[in-house]
Amino acid sequence: MKKMTVEIVNPTGLHARPASDFVKRAIAFKSDVFLENGIKRMNAKSILGILAMGLSQGSQVDIITDGEDEEEALEALISYITNLKD
Protein backbone atom coordinates (compact mmCIF):
# COMPACT_ATOMS: atom_id res chain seq x y z
CA MET A 1 0.00 0.00 0.00
CA LYS A 2 1.24 3.47 -0.91
CA LYS A 3 -0.12 6.78 0.37
CA MET A 4 0.66 10.43 -0.25
CA THR A 5 -1.04 13.70 0.69
CA VAL A 6 -1.56 16.30 -2.03
CA GLU A 7 -3.20 19.69 -2.15
CA ILE A 8 -5.89 20.55 -4.68
CA VAL A 9 -4.39 23.49 -6.59
CA ASN A 10 -7.03 23.85 -9.30
CA PRO A 11 -8.92 27.14 -8.68
CA THR A 12 -12.27 25.39 -9.21
CA GLY A 13 -11.36 22.31 -7.19
CA LEU A 14 -12.07 18.75 -8.23
CA HIS A 15 -15.46 19.37 -9.83
CA ALA A 16 -17.27 17.18 -12.39
CA ARG A 17 -14.94 17.30 -15.41
CA PRO A 18 -11.62 16.92 -13.60
CA ALA A 19 -13.15 14.34 -11.26
CA SER A 20 -14.26 12.36 -14.31
CA ASP A 21 -10.76 12.58 -15.79
CA PHE A 22 -9.29 11.47 -12.45
CA VAL A 23 -11.63 8.44 -12.35
CA LYS A 24 -10.64 7.48 -15.92
CA ARG A 25 -7.00 7.54 -14.91
CA ALA A 26 -7.66 5.55 -11.71
CA ILE A 27 -9.65 2.89 -13.57
CA ALA A 28 -6.69 2.31 -15.90
CA PHE A 29 -4.77 0.72 -13.00
CA LYS A 30 -5.33 -2.71 -11.48
CA SER A 31 -4.68 -1.41 -7.96
CA ASP A 32 -7.40 -0.26 -5.62
CA VAL A 33 -7.38 3.53 -5.39
CA PHE A 34 -8.93 5.61 -2.61
CA LEU A 35 -9.13 9.29 -1.72
CA GLU A 36 -9.20 10.22 1.95
CA ASN A 37 -9.92 13.64 3.41
CA GLY A 38 -10.29 13.72 7.17
CA ILE A 39 -12.92 11.14 8.04
CA LYS A 40 -14.13 10.57 4.47
CA ARG A 41 -12.61 7.72 2.48
CA MET A 42 -13.97 7.16 -1.00
CA ASN A 43 -13.27 4.78 -3.86
CA ALA A 44 -11.39 6.91 -6.40
CA LYS A 45 -12.82 4.84 -9.23
CA SER A 46 -16.28 6.26 -8.44
CA ILE A 47 -17.21 9.70 -9.77
CA LEU A 48 -20.00 10.02 -7.19
CA GLY A 49 -17.60 9.24 -4.37
CA ILE A 50 -15.15 11.90 -5.48
CA LEU A 51 -17.85 14.53 -6.00
CA ALA A 52 -19.31 13.73 -2.57
CA MET A 53 -16.00 14.74 -1.00
CA GLY A 54 -16.44 18.33 -2.23
CA LEU A 55 -12.73 18.93 -2.79
CA SER A 56 -12.10 22.62 -3.38
CA GLN A 57 -8.89 24.55 -3.96
CA GLY A 58 -6.62 24.22 -0.94
CA SER A 59 -8.14 20.92 0.23
CA GLN A 60 -5.65 18.34 1.43
CA VAL A 61 -6.38 14.80 0.26
CA ASP A 62 -4.58 11.49 0.66
CA ILE A 63 -4.27 9.33 -2.42
CA ILE A 64 -4.01 5.69 -1.40
CA THR A 65 -3.12 2.89 -3.82
CA ASP A 66 -2.94 -0.81 -3.07
CA GLY A 67 -2.12 -3.53 -5.56
CA GLU A 68 0.32 -4.76 -8.16
CA ASP A 69 0.79 -1.39 -9.90
CA GLU A 70 0.31 0.80 -6.81
CA GLU A 71 3.46 2.85 -7.26
CA GLU A 72 2.75 3.74 -10.90
CA ALA A 73 -0.86 4.53 -10.03
CA LEU A 74 0.15 6.82 -7.17
CA GLU A 75 2.69 8.69 -9.30
CA ALA A 76 0.24 9.19 -12.19
CA LEU A 77 -2.63 10.37 -9.99
CA ILE A 78 -0.47 12.72 -7.96
CA SER A 79 0.87 14.20 -11.18
CA TYR A 80 -2.66 14.73 -12.47
CA ILE A 81 -3.82 16.51 -9.28
CA THR A 82 -0.75 18.70 -8.88
CA ASN A 83 -0.76 19.82 -12.51
CA LEU A 84 -4.52 20.36 -12.85
CA LYS A 85 -5.38 23.88 -13.93
CA ASP A 86 -8.60 24.47 -15.83
PDB file of N, CA and C in Angstrom:
ATOM      1  N   MET A   1       0.848  -1.179   0.000  1.00  0.00           N
ATOM      2  CA  MET A   1       0.000   0.000   0.000  1.00  0.00           C
ATOM      3  C   MET A   1       0.897   1.246   0.000  1.00  0.00           C
ATOM      4  N   LYS A   2       0.533   2.189  -0.827  1.00  0.00           N
ATOM      5  CA  LYS A   2       1.237   3.469  -0.913  1.00  0.00           C
ATOM      6  C   LYS A   2       0.241   4.578  -0.614  1.00  0.00           C
ATOM      7  N   LYS A   3       0.756   5.669  -0.006  1.00  0.00           N
ATOM      8  CA  LYS A   3      -0.125   6.779   0.366  1.00  0.00           C
ATOM      9  C   LYS A   3       0.662   8.078   0.309  1.00  0.00           C
ATOM     10  N   MET A   4       0.031   9.112  -0.229  1.00  0.00           N
ATOM     11  CA  MET A   4       0.659  10.431  -0.245  1.00  0.00           C
ATOM     12  C   MET A   4      -0.422  11.496  -0.165  1.00  0.00           C
ATOM     13  N   THR A   5      -0.120  12.574   0.555  1.00  0.00           N
ATOM     14  CA  THR A   5      -1.036  13.697   0.690  1.00  0.00           C
ATOM     15  C   THR A   5      -0.693  14.745  -0.355  1.00  0.00           C
ATOM     16  N   VAL A   6      -1.728  15.242  -1.041  1.00  0.00           N
ATOM     17  CA  VAL A   6      -1.556  16.301  -2.028  1.00  0.00           C
ATOM     18  C   VAL A   6      -2.577  17.396  -1.753  1.00  0.00           C
ATOM     19  N   GLU A   7      -2.286  18.567  -2.278  1.00  0.00           N
ATOM     20  CA  GLU A   7      -3.203  19.694  -2.152  1.00  0.00           C
ATOM     21  C   GLU A   7      -3.865  19.948  -3.499  1.00  0.00           C
ATOM     22  N   ILE A   8      -5.165  20.199  -3.457  1.00  0.00           N
ATOM     23  CA  ILE A   8      -5.891  20.548  -4.679  1.00  0.00           C
ATOM     24  C   ILE A   8      -5.510  21.981  -5.035  1.00  0.00           C
ATOM     25  N   VAL A   9      -4.851  22.162  -6.183  1.00  0.00           N
ATOM     26  CA  VAL A   9      -4.393  23.493  -6.589  1.00  0.00           C
ATOM     27  C   VAL A   9      -5.298  24.127  -7.636  1.00  0.00           C
ATOM     28  N   ASN A  10      -6.132  23.334  -8.266  1.00  0.00           N
ATOM     29  CA  ASN A  10      -7.030  23.850  -9.298  1.00  0.00           C
ATOM     30  C   ASN A  10      -7.977  24.886  -8.681  1.00  0.00           C
ATOM     31  N   PRO A  11      -8.067  26.089  -9.258  1.00  0.00           N
ATOM     32  CA  PRO A  11      -8.922  27.141  -8.682  1.00  0.00           C
ATOM     33  C   PRO A  11     -10.384  26.732  -8.503  1.00  0.00           C
ATOM     34  N   THR A  12     -10.874  25.827  -9.335  1.00  0.00           N
ATOM     35  CA  THR A  12     -12.270  25.394  -9.209  1.00  0.00           C
ATOM     36  C   THR A  12     -12.402  24.046  -8.508  1.00  0.00           C
ATOM     37  N   GLY A  13     -11.317  23.554  -7.936  1.00  0.00           N
ATOM     38  CA  GLY A  13     -11.363  22.305  -7.191  1.00  0.00           C
ATOM     39  C   GLY A  13     -11.471  21.085  -8.086  1.00  0.00           C
ATOM     40  N   LEU A  14     -11.912  20.001  -7.491  1.00  0.00           N
ATOM     41  CA  LEU A  14     -12.067  18.747  -8.230  1.00  0.00           C
ATOM     42  C   LEU A  14     -13.550  18.563  -8.536  1.00  0.00           C
ATOM     43  N   HIS A  15     -14.042  19.402  -9.448  1.00  0.00           N
ATOM     44  CA  HIS A  15     -15.459  19.368  -9.831  1.00  0.00           C
ATOM     45  C   HIS A  15     -15.690  18.296 -10.893  1.00  0.00           C
ATOM     46  N   ALA A  16     -16.840  18.284 -11.535  1.00  0.00           N
ATOM     47  CA  ALA A  16     -17.273  17.176 -12.388  1.00  0.00           C
ATOM     48  C   ALA A  16     -16.280  16.766 -13.482  1.00  0.00           C
ATOM     49  N   ARG A  17     -15.818  17.693 -14.302  1.00  0.00           N
ATOM     50  CA  ARG A  17     -14.943  17.302 -15.410  1.00  0.00           C
ATOM     51  C   ARG A  17     -13.607  16.771 -14.927  1.00  0.00           C
ATOM     52  N   PRO A  18     -12.889  17.491 -14.056  1.00  0.00           N
ATOM     53  CA  PRO A  18     -11.622  16.925 -13.600  1.00  0.00           C
ATOM     54  C   PRO A  18     -11.801  15.662 -12.753  1.00  0.00           C
ATOM     55  N   ALA A  19     -12.889  15.567 -12.030  1.00  0.00           N
ATOM     56  CA  ALA A  19     -13.146  14.341 -11.258  1.00  0.00           C
ATOM     57  C   ALA A  19     -13.345  13.164 -12.206  1.00  0.00           C
ATOM     58  N   SER A  20     -14.058  13.398 -13.305  1.00  0.00           N
ATOM     59  CA  SER A  20     -14.261  12.356 -14.310  1.00  0.00           C
ATOM     60  C   SER A  20     -12.931  11.928 -14.930  1.00  0.00           C
ATOM     61  N   ASP A  21     -12.081  12.889 -15.241  1.00  0.00           N
ATOM     62  CA  ASP A  21     -10.755  12.582 -15.790  1.00  0.00           C
ATOM     63  C   ASP A  21      -9.916  11.796 -14.782  1.00  0.00           C
ATOM     64  N   PHE A  22     -10.015  12.165 -13.499  1.00  0.00           N
ATOM     65  CA  PHE A  22      -9.291  11.465 -12.451  1.00  0.00           C
ATOM     66  C   PHE A  22      -9.750  10.007 -12.372  1.00  0.00           C
ATOM     67  N   VAL A  23     -11.065   9.796 -12.409  1.00  0.00           N
ATOM     68  CA  VAL A  23     -11.627   8.438 -12.354  1.00  0.00           C
ATOM     69  C   VAL A  23     -11.134   7.615 -13.538  1.00  0.00           C
ATOM     70  N   LYS A  24     -11.131   8.199 -14.734  1.00  0.00           N
ATOM     71  CA  LYS A  24     -10.642   7.478 -15.923  1.00  0.00           C
ATOM     72  C   LYS A  24      -9.198   7.036 -15.732  1.00  0.00           C
ATOM     73  N   ARG A  25      -8.391   7.897 -15.159  1.00  0.00           N
ATOM     74  CA  ARG A  25      -6.996   7.541 -14.907  1.00  0.00           C
ATOM     75  C   ARG A  25      -6.902   6.437 -13.847  1.00  0.00           C
ATOM     76  N   ALA A  26      -7.689   6.545 -12.790  1.00  0.00           N
ATOM     77  CA  ALA A  26      -7.656   5.555 -11.710  1.00  0.00           C
ATOM     78  C   ALA A  26      -8.103   4.177 -12.209  1.00  0.00           C
ATOM     79  N   ILE A  27      -9.119   4.153 -13.046  1.00  0.00           N
ATOM     80  CA  ILE A  27      -9.650   2.889 -13.575  1.00  0.00           C
ATOM     81  C   ILE A  27      -8.619   2.163 -14.432  1.00  0.00           C
ATOM     82  N   ALA A  28      -7.701   2.907 -15.023  1.00  0.00           N
ATOM     83  CA  ALA A  28      -6.688   2.307 -15.897  1.00  0.00           C
ATOM     84  C   ALA A  28      -5.708   1.419 -15.133  1.00  0.00           C
ATOM     85  N   PHE A  29      -5.698   1.516 -13.813  1.00  0.00           N
ATOM     86  CA  PHE A  29      -4.774   0.725 -13.001  1.00  0.00           C
ATOM     87  C   PHE A  29      -5.491  -0.441 -12.343  1.00  0.00           C
ATOM     88  N   LYS A  30      -4.764  -1.533 -12.132  1.00  0.00           N
ATOM     89  CA  LYS A  30      -5.333  -2.714 -11.480  1.00  0.00           C
ATOM     90  C   LYS A  30      -5.479  -2.519  -9.976  1.00  0.00           C
ATOM     91  N   SER A  31      -4.669  -1.651  -9.414  1.00  0.00           N
ATOM     92  CA  SER A  31      -4.684  -1.414  -7.964  1.00  0.00           C
ATOM     93  C   SER A  31      -5.988  -0.770  -7.512  1.00  0.00           C
ATOM     94  N   ASP A  32      -6.321  -1.005  -6.248  1.00  0.00           N
ATOM     95  CA  ASP A  32      -7.403  -0.262  -5.618  1.00  0.00           C
ATOM     96  C   ASP A  32      -6.896   1.151  -5.380  1.00  0.00           C
ATOM     97  N   VAL A  33      -7.763   2.129  -5.578  1.00  0.00           N
ATOM     98  CA  VAL A  33      -7.383   3.528  -5.387  1.00  0.00           C
ATOM     99  C   VAL A  33      -8.458   4.199  -4.535  1.00  0.00           C
ATOM    100  N   PHE A  34      -8.021   4.903  -3.498  1.00  0.00           N
ATOM    101  CA  PHE A  34      -8.934   5.612  -2.609  1.00  0.00           C
ATOM    102  C   PHE A  34      -8.468   7.049  -2.420  1.00  0.00           C
ATOM    103  N   LEU A  35      -9.418   7.926  -2.148  1.00  0.00           N
ATOM    104  CA  LEU A  35      -9.129   9.288  -1.715  1.00  0.00           C
ATOM    105  C   LEU A  35      -9.623   9.407  -0.289  1.00  0.00           C
ATOM    106  N   GLU A  36      -8.832  10.057   0.549  1.00  0.00           N
ATOM    107  CA  GLU A  36      -9.205  10.216   1.950  1.00  0.00           C
ATOM    108  C   GLU A  36      -8.971  11.663   2.357  1.00  0.00           C
ATOM    109  N   ASN A  37      -9.989  12.246   2.972  1.00  0.00           N
ATOM    110  CA  ASN A  37      -9.919  13.637   3.412  1.00  0.00           C
ATOM    111  C   ASN A  37     -10.561  13.701   4.787  1.00  0.00           C
ATOM    112  N   GLY A  38      -9.731  13.728   5.818  1.00  0.00           N
ATOM    113  CA  GLY A  38     -10.295  13.716   7.170  1.00  0.00           C
ATOM    114  C   GLY A  38     -10.935  12.383   7.465  1.00  0.00           C
ATOM    115  N   ILE A  39     -12.222  12.384   7.719  1.00  0.00           N
ATOM    116  CA  ILE A  39     -12.924  11.140   8.043  1.00  0.00           C
ATOM    117  C   ILE A  39     -13.546  10.471   6.832  1.00  0.00           C
ATOM    118  N   LYS A  40     -13.541  11.140   5.687  1.00  0.00           N
ATOM    119  CA  LYS A  40     -14.126  10.573   4.469  1.00  0.00           C
ATOM    120  C   LYS A  40     -13.085   9.776   3.703  1.00  0.00           C
ATOM    121  N   ARG A  41     -13.452   8.555   3.340  1.00  0.00           N
ATOM    122  CA  ARG A  41     -12.606   7.724   2.481  1.00  0.00           C
ATOM    123  C   ARG A  41     -13.493   7.190   1.367  1.00  0.00           C
ATOM    124  N   MET A  42     -13.134   7.521   0.140  1.00  0.00           N
ATOM    125  CA  MET A  42     -13.967   7.155  -1.001  1.00  0.00           C
ATOM    126  C   MET A  42     -13.165   6.370  -2.037  1.00  0.00           C
ATOM    127  N   ASN A  43     -13.859   5.500  -2.746  1.00  0.00           N
ATOM    128  CA  ASN A  43     -13.274   4.778  -3.863  1.00  0.00           C
ATOM    129  C   ASN A  43     -13.004   5.788  -4.975  1.00  0.00           C
ATOM    130  N   ALA A  44     -11.756   5.920  -5.386  1.00  0.00           N
ATOM    131  CA  ALA A  44     -11.388   6.913  -6.399  1.00  0.00           C
ATOM    132  C   ALA A  44     -11.754   6.462  -7.810  1.00  0.00           C
ATOM    133  N   LYS A  45     -12.349   5.294  -7.929  1.00  0.00           N
ATOM    134  CA  LYS A  45     -12.824   4.836  -9.233  1.00  0.00           C
ATOM    135  C   LYS A  45     -14.322   5.092  -9.364  1.00  0.00           C
ATOM    136  N   SER A  46     -14.865   5.907  -8.452  1.00  0.00           N
ATOM    137  CA  SER A  46     -16.277   6.263  -8.440  1.00  0.00           C
ATOM    138  C   SER A  46     -16.432   7.782  -8.522  1.00  0.00           C
ATOM    139  N   ILE A  47     -17.015   8.257  -9.601  1.00  0.00           N
ATOM    140  CA  ILE A  47     -17.211   9.704  -9.766  1.00  0.00           C
ATOM    141  C   ILE A  47     -18.079  10.262  -8.648  1.00  0.00           C
ATOM    142  N   LEU A  48     -19.118   9.534  -8.253  1.00  0.00           N
ATOM    143  CA  LEU A  48     -19.999  10.021  -7.189  1.00  0.00           C
ATOM    144  C   LEU A  48     -19.262  10.129  -5.860  1.00  0.00           C
ATOM    145  N   GLY A  49     -18.379   9.180  -5.597  1.00  0.00           N
ATOM    146  CA  GLY A  49     -17.599   9.239  -4.368  1.00  0.00           C
ATOM    147  C   GLY A  49     -16.699  10.457  -4.318  1.00  0.00           C
ATOM    148  N   ILE A  50     -16.047  10.738  -5.423  1.00  0.00           N
ATOM    149  CA  ILE A  50     -15.152  11.903  -5.477  1.00  0.00           C
ATOM    150  C   ILE A  50     -15.944  13.197  -5.345  1.00  0.00           C
ATOM    151  N   LEU A  51     -17.041  13.309  -6.076  1.00  0.00           N
ATOM    152  CA  LEU A  51     -17.846  14.527  -6.001  1.00  0.00           C
ATOM    153  C   LEU A  51     -18.422  14.732  -4.604  1.00  0.00           C
ATOM    154  N   ALA A  52     -18.760  13.636  -3.927  1.00  0.00           N
ATOM    155  CA  ALA A  52     -19.314  13.735  -2.570  1.00  0.00           C
ATOM    156  C   ALA A  52     -18.304  14.309  -1.579  1.00  0.00           C
ATOM    157  N   MET A  53     -17.030  14.212  -1.895  1.00  0.00           N
ATOM    158  CA  MET A  53     -15.999  14.744  -1.001  1.00  0.00           C
ATOM    159  C   MET A  53     -15.940  16.266  -1.045  1.00  0.00           C
ATOM    160  N   GLY A  54     -16.416  16.872  -2.124  1.00  0.00           N
ATOM    161  CA  GLY A  54     -16.437  18.325  -2.227  1.00  0.00           C
ATOM    162  C   GLY A  54     -15.054  18.951  -2.121  1.00  0.00           C
ATOM    163  N   LEU A  55     -14.114  18.459  -2.878  1.00  0.00           N
ATOM    164  CA  LEU A  55     -12.733  18.927  -2.791  1.00  0.00           C
ATOM    165  C   LEU A  55     -12.550  20.241  -3.541  1.00  0.00           C
ATOM    166  N   SER A  56     -12.294  21.294  -2.788  1.00  0.00           N
ATOM    167  CA  SER A  56     -12.100  22.621  -3.376  1.00  0.00           C
ATOM    168  C   SER A  56     -10.620  22.978  -3.332  1.00  0.00           C
ATOM    169  N   GLN A  57     -10.282  24.093  -3.956  1.00  0.00           N
ATOM    170  CA  GLN A  57      -8.893  24.551  -3.955  1.00  0.00           C
ATOM    171  C   GLN A  57      -8.393  24.683  -2.519  1.00  0.00           C
ATOM    172  N   GLY A  58      -7.205  24.170  -2.275  1.00  0.00           N
ATOM    173  CA  GLY A  58      -6.620  24.218  -0.943  1.00  0.00           C
ATOM    174  C   GLY A  58      -6.910  22.992  -0.087  1.00  0.00           C
ATOM    175  N   SER A  59      -7.848  22.146  -0.523  1.00  0.00           N
ATOM    176  CA  SER A  59      -8.141  20.921   0.228  1.00  0.00           C
ATOM    177  C   SER A  59      -6.940  19.994   0.207  1.00  0.00           C
ATOM    178  N   GLN A  60      -6.689  19.357   1.331  1.00  0.00           N
ATOM    179  CA  GLN A  60      -5.655  18.336   1.434  1.00  0.00           C
ATOM    180  C   GLN A  60      -6.333  16.976   1.303  1.00  0.00           C
ATOM    181  N   VAL A  61      -5.786  16.118   0.460  1.00  0.00           N
ATOM    182  CA  VAL A  61      -6.379  14.801   0.261  1.00  0.00           C
ATOM    183  C   VAL A  61      -5.265  13.767   0.155  1.00  0.00           C
ATOM    184  N   ASP A  62      -5.513  12.609   0.777  1.00  0.00           N
ATOM    185  CA  ASP A  62      -4.577  11.490   0.663  1.00  0.00           C
ATOM    186  C   ASP A  62      -5.000  10.645  -0.522  1.00  0.00           C
ATOM    187  N   ILE A  63      -4.039  10.302  -1.363  1.00  0.00           N
ATOM    188  CA  ILE A  63      -4.274   9.332  -2.423  1.00  0.00           C
ATOM    189  C   ILE A  63      -3.644   8.034  -1.938  1.00  0.00           C
ATOM    190  N   ILE A  64      -4.452   6.984  -1.916  1.00  0.00           N
ATOM    191  CA  ILE A  64      -4.010   5.688  -1.402  1.00  0.00           C
ATOM    192  C   ILE A  64      -4.155   4.666  -2.525  1.00  0.00           C
ATOM    193  N   THR A  65      -3.079   3.943  -2.793  1.00  0.00           N
ATOM    194  CA  THR A  65      -3.120   2.894  -3.816  1.00  0.00           C
ATOM    195  C   THR A  65      -2.674   1.584  -3.179  1.00  0.00           C
ATOM    196  N   ASP A  66      -3.277   0.500  -3.623  1.00  0.00           N
ATOM    197  CA  ASP A  66      -2.940  -0.807  -3.068  1.00  0.00           C
ATOM    198  C   ASP A  66      -3.128  -1.870  -4.142  1.00  0.00           C
ATOM    199  N   GLY A  67      -2.028  -2.486  -4.548  1.00  0.00           N
ATOM    200  CA  GLY A  67      -2.116  -3.527  -5.561  1.00  0.00           C
ATOM    201  C   GLY A  67      -0.830  -3.649  -6.353  1.00  0.00           C
ATOM    202  N   GLU A  68      -0.898  -4.423  -7.418  1.00  0.00           N
ATOM    203  CA  GLU A  68       0.318  -4.760  -8.160  1.00  0.00           C
ATOM    204  C   GLU A  68       0.975  -3.583  -8.867  1.00  0.00           C
ATOM    205  N   ASP A  69       0.204  -2.562  -9.231  1.00  0.00           N
ATOM    206  CA  ASP A  69       0.789  -1.389  -9.897  1.00  0.00           C
ATOM    207  C   ASP A  69       0.593  -0.118  -9.058  1.00  0.00           C
ATOM    208  N   GLU A  70       0.616  -0.296  -7.740  1.00  0.00           N
ATOM    209  CA  GLU A  70       0.311   0.796  -6.814  1.00  0.00           C
ATOM    210  C   GLU A  70       1.247   1.997  -6.952  1.00  0.00           C
ATOM    211  N   GLU A  71       2.522   1.743  -7.173  1.00  0.00           N
ATOM    212  CA  GLU A  71       3.464   2.853  -7.264  1.00  0.00           C
ATOM    213  C   GLU A  71       3.221   3.689  -8.524  1.00  0.00           C
ATOM    214  N   GLU A  72       3.029   3.032  -9.645  1.00  0.00           N
ATOM    215  CA  GLU A  72       2.750   3.738 -10.900  1.00  0.00           C
ATOM    216  C   GLU A  72       1.435   4.505 -10.805  1.00  0.00           C
ATOM    217  N   ALA A  73       0.444   3.881 -10.192  1.00  0.00           N
ATOM    218  CA  ALA A  73      -0.861   4.534 -10.030  1.00  0.00           C
ATOM    219  C   ALA A  73      -0.723   5.788  -9.177  1.00  0.00           C
ATOM    220  N   LEU A  74      -0.024   5.676  -8.069  1.00  0.00           N
ATOM    221  CA  LEU A  74       0.149   6.817  -7.173  1.00  0.00           C
ATOM    222  C   LEU A  74       0.860   7.964  -7.887  1.00  0.00           C
ATOM    223  N   GLU A  75       1.936   7.661  -8.586  1.00  0.00           N
ATOM    224  CA  GLU A  75       2.686   8.693  -9.304  1.00  0.00           C
ATOM    225  C   GLU A  75       1.820   9.391 -10.351  1.00  0.00           C
ATOM    226  N   ALA A  76       1.074   8.615 -11.127  1.00  0.00           N
ATOM    227  CA  ALA A  76       0.241   9.186 -12.185  1.00  0.00           C
ATOM    228  C   ALA A  76      -0.875  10.061 -11.623  1.00  0.00           C
ATOM    229  N   LEU A  77      -1.512   9.625 -10.553  1.00  0.00           N
ATOM    230  CA  LEU A  77      -2.630  10.371  -9.990  1.00  0.00           C
ATOM    231  C   LEU A  77      -2.168  11.622  -9.253  1.00  0.00           C
ATOM    232  N   ILE A  78      -1.034  11.531  -8.592  1.00  0.00           N
ATOM    233  CA  ILE A  78      -0.469  12.724  -7.957  1.00  0.00           C
ATOM    234  C   ILE A  78      -0.105  13.754  -9.021  1.00  0.00           C
ATOM    235  N   SER A  79       0.503  13.297 -10.085  1.00  0.00           N
ATOM    236  CA  SER A  79       0.874  14.202 -11.177  1.00  0.00           C
ATOM    237  C   SER A  79      -0.362  14.893 -11.750  1.00  0.00           C
ATOM    238  N   TYR A  80      -1.434  14.139 -11.932  1.00  0.00           N
ATOM    239  CA  TYR A  80      -2.661  14.732 -12.467  1.00  0.00           C
ATOM    240  C   TYR A  80      -3.182  15.832 -11.535  1.00  0.00           C
ATOM    241  N   ILE A  81      -3.278  15.545 -10.247  1.00  0.00           N
ATOM    242  CA  ILE A  81      -3.822  16.511  -9.282  1.00  0.00           C
ATOM    243  C   ILE A  81      -2.942  17.745  -9.178  1.00  0.00           C
ATOM    244  N   THR A  82      -1.643  17.565  -9.089  1.00  0.00           N
ATOM    245  CA  THR A  82      -0.754  18.697  -8.877  1.00  0.00           C
ATOM    246  C   THR A  82      -0.597  19.588 -10.116  1.00  0.00           C
ATOM    247  N   ASN A  83      -0.886  19.033 -11.276  1.00  0.00           N
ATOM    248  CA  ASN A  83      -0.762  19.819 -12.514  1.00  0.00           C
ATOM    249  C   ASN A  83      -2.102  20.292 -13.065  1.00  0.00           C
ATOM    250  N   LEU A  84      -3.179  20.010 -12.367  1.00  0.00           N
ATOM    251  CA  LEU A  84      -4.519  20.360 -12.845  1.00  0.00           C
ATOM    252  C   LEU A  84      -4.779  21.849 -12.739  1.00  0.00           C
ATOM    253  N   LYS A  85      -5.030  22.456 -13.864  1.00  0.00           N
ATOM    254  CA  LYS A  85      -5.376  23.878 -13.932  1.00  0.00           C
ATOM    255  C   LYS A  85      -6.389  24.034 -15.063  1.00  0.00           C
ATOM    256  N   ASP A  86      -7.645  24.284 -14.723  1.00  0.00           N
ATOM    257  CA  ASP A  86      -8.596  24.473 -15.826  1.00  0.00           C
ATOM    258  C   ASP A  86      -9.308  25.799 -15.753  1.00  0.00           C
TER     259      ASP A  86
END
